[in-house]
Protein backbone atom coordinates (compact mmCIF):
# COMPACT_ATOMS: atom_id res chain seq x y z
CA MET A 1 -127.96 -4.54 -109.05
CA THR A 2 -127.65 -3.22 -105.88
CA LYS A 3 -124.34 -1.96 -104.03
CA ILE A 4 -124.32 -4.92 -101.76
CA ASP A 5 -124.62 -7.31 -104.77
CA LYS A 6 -122.04 -5.62 -106.75
CA GLU A 7 -119.51 -5.63 -103.68
CA LYS A 8 -120.27 -9.34 -103.32
CA LEU A 9 -119.52 -9.89 -107.07
CA THR A 10 -116.57 -7.56 -106.99
CA GLU A 11 -115.02 -9.64 -103.89
CA GLU A 12 -116.01 -12.94 -105.65
CA MET A 13 -114.11 -12.09 -108.77
CA ASN A 14 -111.08 -10.79 -106.71
CA ALA A 15 -110.99 -13.97 -104.90
CA LYS A 16 -111.06 -15.99 -108.32
CA ASN A 17 -108.36 -13.90 -109.59
CA ARG A 18 -106.00 -14.00 -106.72
CA ASP A 19 -106.38 -17.89 -106.43
CA TRP A 20 -105.59 -18.03 -110.07
CA LEU A 21 -102.42 -15.58 -109.80
CA ILE A 22 -101.13 -17.66 -106.69
CA GLU A 23 -101.99 -21.26 -107.64
CA SER A 24 -101.64 -21.68 -111.46
CA GLY A 25 -98.77 -19.53 -112.67
CA GLY A 26 -100.86 -16.64 -113.03
CA ILE A 27 -98.01 -14.38 -112.26
CA SER A 28 -95.76 -15.56 -114.77
CA SER A 29 -98.62 -15.33 -117.35
CA LEU A 30 -99.06 -11.98 -116.48
CA PHE A 31 -95.57 -11.01 -116.63
CA ILE A 32 -95.41 -12.59 -120.10
CA HIS A 33 -98.44 -10.95 -121.52
CA ASN A 34 -97.52 -7.45 -120.14
CA LEU A 35 -93.95 -7.86 -121.70
CA GLU A 36 -94.85 -8.86 -124.83
CA ASN A 37 -97.46 -6.06 -124.97
CA PHE A 38 -94.99 -3.60 -124.27
CA ALA A 39 -92.49 -5.12 -126.64
CA TYR A 40 -94.96 -4.47 -129.41
CA ARG A 41 -95.54 -0.88 -128.18
CA TYR A 42 -91.93 -0.06 -127.53
CA LEU A 43 -89.27 -2.22 -128.84
CA GLU A 44 -90.23 -3.45 -132.28
CA THR A 45 -87.39 -2.29 -134.71
CA SER A 46 -86.94 -2.21 -138.55
CA VAL A 47 -85.87 -6.00 -137.98
CA ASP A 48 -87.40 -7.31 -134.77
CA LYS A 49 -91.09 -7.98 -134.97
CA GLY A 50 -93.15 -10.35 -132.84
CA ILE A 51 -90.99 -10.32 -129.97
CA LYS A 52 -91.39 -13.12 -127.37
CA CYS A 53 -90.56 -13.19 -123.62
CA PHE A 54 -87.31 -14.72 -122.35
CA ILE A 55 -87.36 -16.32 -119.00
CA ASP A 56 -84.16 -16.84 -116.74
CA GLY A 57 -85.36 -17.93 -113.28
CA ASP A 58 -87.28 -15.02 -111.76
CA LEU A 59 -86.18 -12.68 -114.51
CA TYR A 60 -88.58 -11.94 -117.38
CA ARG A 61 -87.14 -10.12 -120.26
CA VAL A 62 -88.18 -8.82 -123.91
CA SER A 63 -85.29 -7.05 -125.95
CA SER A 64 -84.67 -6.06 -129.61
CA THR A 65 -81.76 -4.60 -131.69
CA GLU A 66 -81.68 -1.93 -134.00
CA PRO A 67 -79.17 -2.68 -136.50
CA SER A 68 -79.43 0.47 -138.36
CA ILE A 69 -78.11 3.77 -136.66
CA ILE A 70 -79.73 5.60 -139.39
CA GLU A 71 -83.23 4.12 -137.98
CA ALA A 72 -82.33 4.63 -134.45
CA LEU A 73 -81.48 8.34 -135.22
CA LYS A 74 -85.20 8.91 -136.41
CA TRP A 75 -86.66 7.84 -132.89
CA GLU A 76 -88.49 10.57 -131.09
CA ASN A 77 -86.47 10.93 -127.79
CA PRO A 78 -84.25 14.00 -127.87
CA GLN A 79 -81.61 12.84 -125.37
CA LEU A 80 -81.44 9.50 -126.87
CA LYS A 81 -80.91 11.20 -130.54
CA LYS A 82 -78.02 13.38 -128.86
CA SER A 83 -76.26 10.49 -127.33
CA LEU A 84 -76.52 8.66 -130.75
CA ILE A 85 -75.11 11.69 -132.59
CA ASP A 86 -72.30 11.73 -130.12
CA LEU A 87 -71.64 8.11 -130.57
CA CYS A 88 -71.50 8.64 -134.39
CA LYS A 89 -69.15 11.45 -134.03
CA LYS A 90 -66.71 9.14 -131.66
CA PHE A 91 -67.05 6.46 -134.39
CA PRO A 92 -67.29 8.23 -137.84
CA GLY A 93 -67.64 6.95 -141.13
CA LYS A 94 -67.72 3.04 -141.44
CA ALA A 95 -67.37 2.73 -137.81
CA SER A 96 -70.64 4.32 -137.04
CA GLN A 97 -72.46 1.67 -139.35
CA GLU A 98 -71.35 -0.78 -137.19
CA LEU A 99 -73.26 0.79 -134.07
CA ARG A 100 -76.09 -1.32 -133.08
CA VAL A 101 -78.76 0.06 -130.43
CA LYS A 102 -80.23 -2.75 -127.90
CA LEU A 103 -83.53 -2.16 -126.29
CA ASN A 104 -84.62 -4.21 -123.22
CA ILE A 105 -87.46 -4.33 -120.58
CA GLU A 106 -87.41 -6.60 -117.75
CA THR A 107 -89.37 -7.47 -114.59
CA LYS A 108 -88.82 -9.91 -111.61
CA MET A 109 -89.98 -10.56 -108.40
CA ILE A 110 -87.77 -9.64 -105.40
CA GLY A 111 -89.24 -11.98 -102.55
CA GLU A 112 -92.72 -12.63 -102.38
CA HIS A 113 -94.40 -9.05 -102.07
CA LYS A 114 -92.05 -7.03 -104.27
CA ASN A 115 -91.80 -6.46 -108.08
CA GLU A 116 -89.23 -4.45 -109.91
CA CYS A 117 -89.21 -3.34 -113.53
CA SER A 118 -86.39 -1.87 -115.62
CA ALA A 119 -85.84 -0.60 -119.07
CA SER A 120 -82.53 -0.05 -120.75
CA ILE A 121 -81.15 1.16 -124.00
CA LYS A 122 -77.51 0.34 -124.74
CA CYS A 123 -75.28 0.84 -127.91
CA LEU A 124 -73.03 -2.16 -129.06
CA LEU A 125 -70.03 -0.75 -130.20
CA PRO A 126 -67.58 -1.87 -133.06
CA SER A 127 -65.38 -3.05 -130.49
CA GLY A 128 -67.96 -5.52 -128.86
CA GLU A 129 -68.25 -3.73 -125.79
CA SER A 130 -71.68 -1.97 -124.76
CA SER A 131 -72.43 1.45 -123.82
CA THR A 132 -75.56 2.49 -121.60
CA LEU A 133 -77.46 5.13 -123.09
CA SER A 134 -80.39 5.30 -120.84
CA GLU A 135 -81.98 3.34 -118.10
CA LYS A 136 -84.73 3.47 -115.42
CA THR A 137 -85.85 1.08 -112.84
CA ALA A 138 -89.21 1.29 -110.68
CA SER A 139 -90.56 -1.17 -108.13
CA MET A 140 -93.69 -1.64 -106.13
CA THR A 141 -94.56 -3.75 -102.87
CA PHE A 142 -97.80 -5.20 -102.53
CA GLU A 143 -99.58 -7.26 -100.04
CA ASP A 144 -102.04 -8.91 -102.43
CA PRO A 145 -101.64 -10.27 -105.77
CA ILE A 146 -104.50 -8.35 -107.05
CA GLU A 147 -102.56 -4.97 -106.53
CA LEU A 148 -99.72 -6.63 -108.42
CA ARG A 149 -102.14 -7.23 -111.54
CA ASN A 150 -103.75 -4.07 -111.58
CA LYS A 151 -100.50 -1.81 -111.20
CA HIS A 152 -97.57 -3.75 -113.11
CA ALA A 153 -98.52 -2.43 -116.51
CA ALA A 154 -98.31 1.04 -114.98
CA LEU A 155 -94.91 0.13 -113.46
CA LEU A 156 -93.74 -0.83 -116.84
CA GLU A 157 -95.24 2.18 -118.60
CA ASP A 158 -93.24 4.30 -116.09
CA VAL A 159 -89.85 2.71 -116.88
CA CYS A 160 -90.70 2.71 -120.70
CA THR A 161 -90.63 6.57 -120.57
CA ILE A 162 -86.85 6.24 -121.62
CA PHE A 163 -88.10 5.14 -125.18
């Protein structure tokens, strides 16, 4: 295959992908696929498996809850572990067993040419309130939907560093 043939084939594929992204709900499918993939990698807990994407208007979300503070304390993130230990000290004994850790990843379009992704870790307290332990948001602007398709997973990977 010559260089010219390769460039022509690449441009044809990009045009087909661009049309798919714009016309047939492709961006929605992209978000759902990527979020469910990241949920499998980062959000599955001792009880939440096979997490599915929830859609609320322009907001796409995957989330899970770890009901066991003991399991949550086994996670590798040292900052998170310190925050969880501090909460256990604040809610000693039986109260610490009522702590639940909520994990969340979201993505949404802001206008036609901007995408925002965020991840958060919250602790649900015995009182019913929640305390944010960690969160991160990143966004990208794009002119061509192919850019979004090519960079969305990397944007999610960036915000998921909190896990």
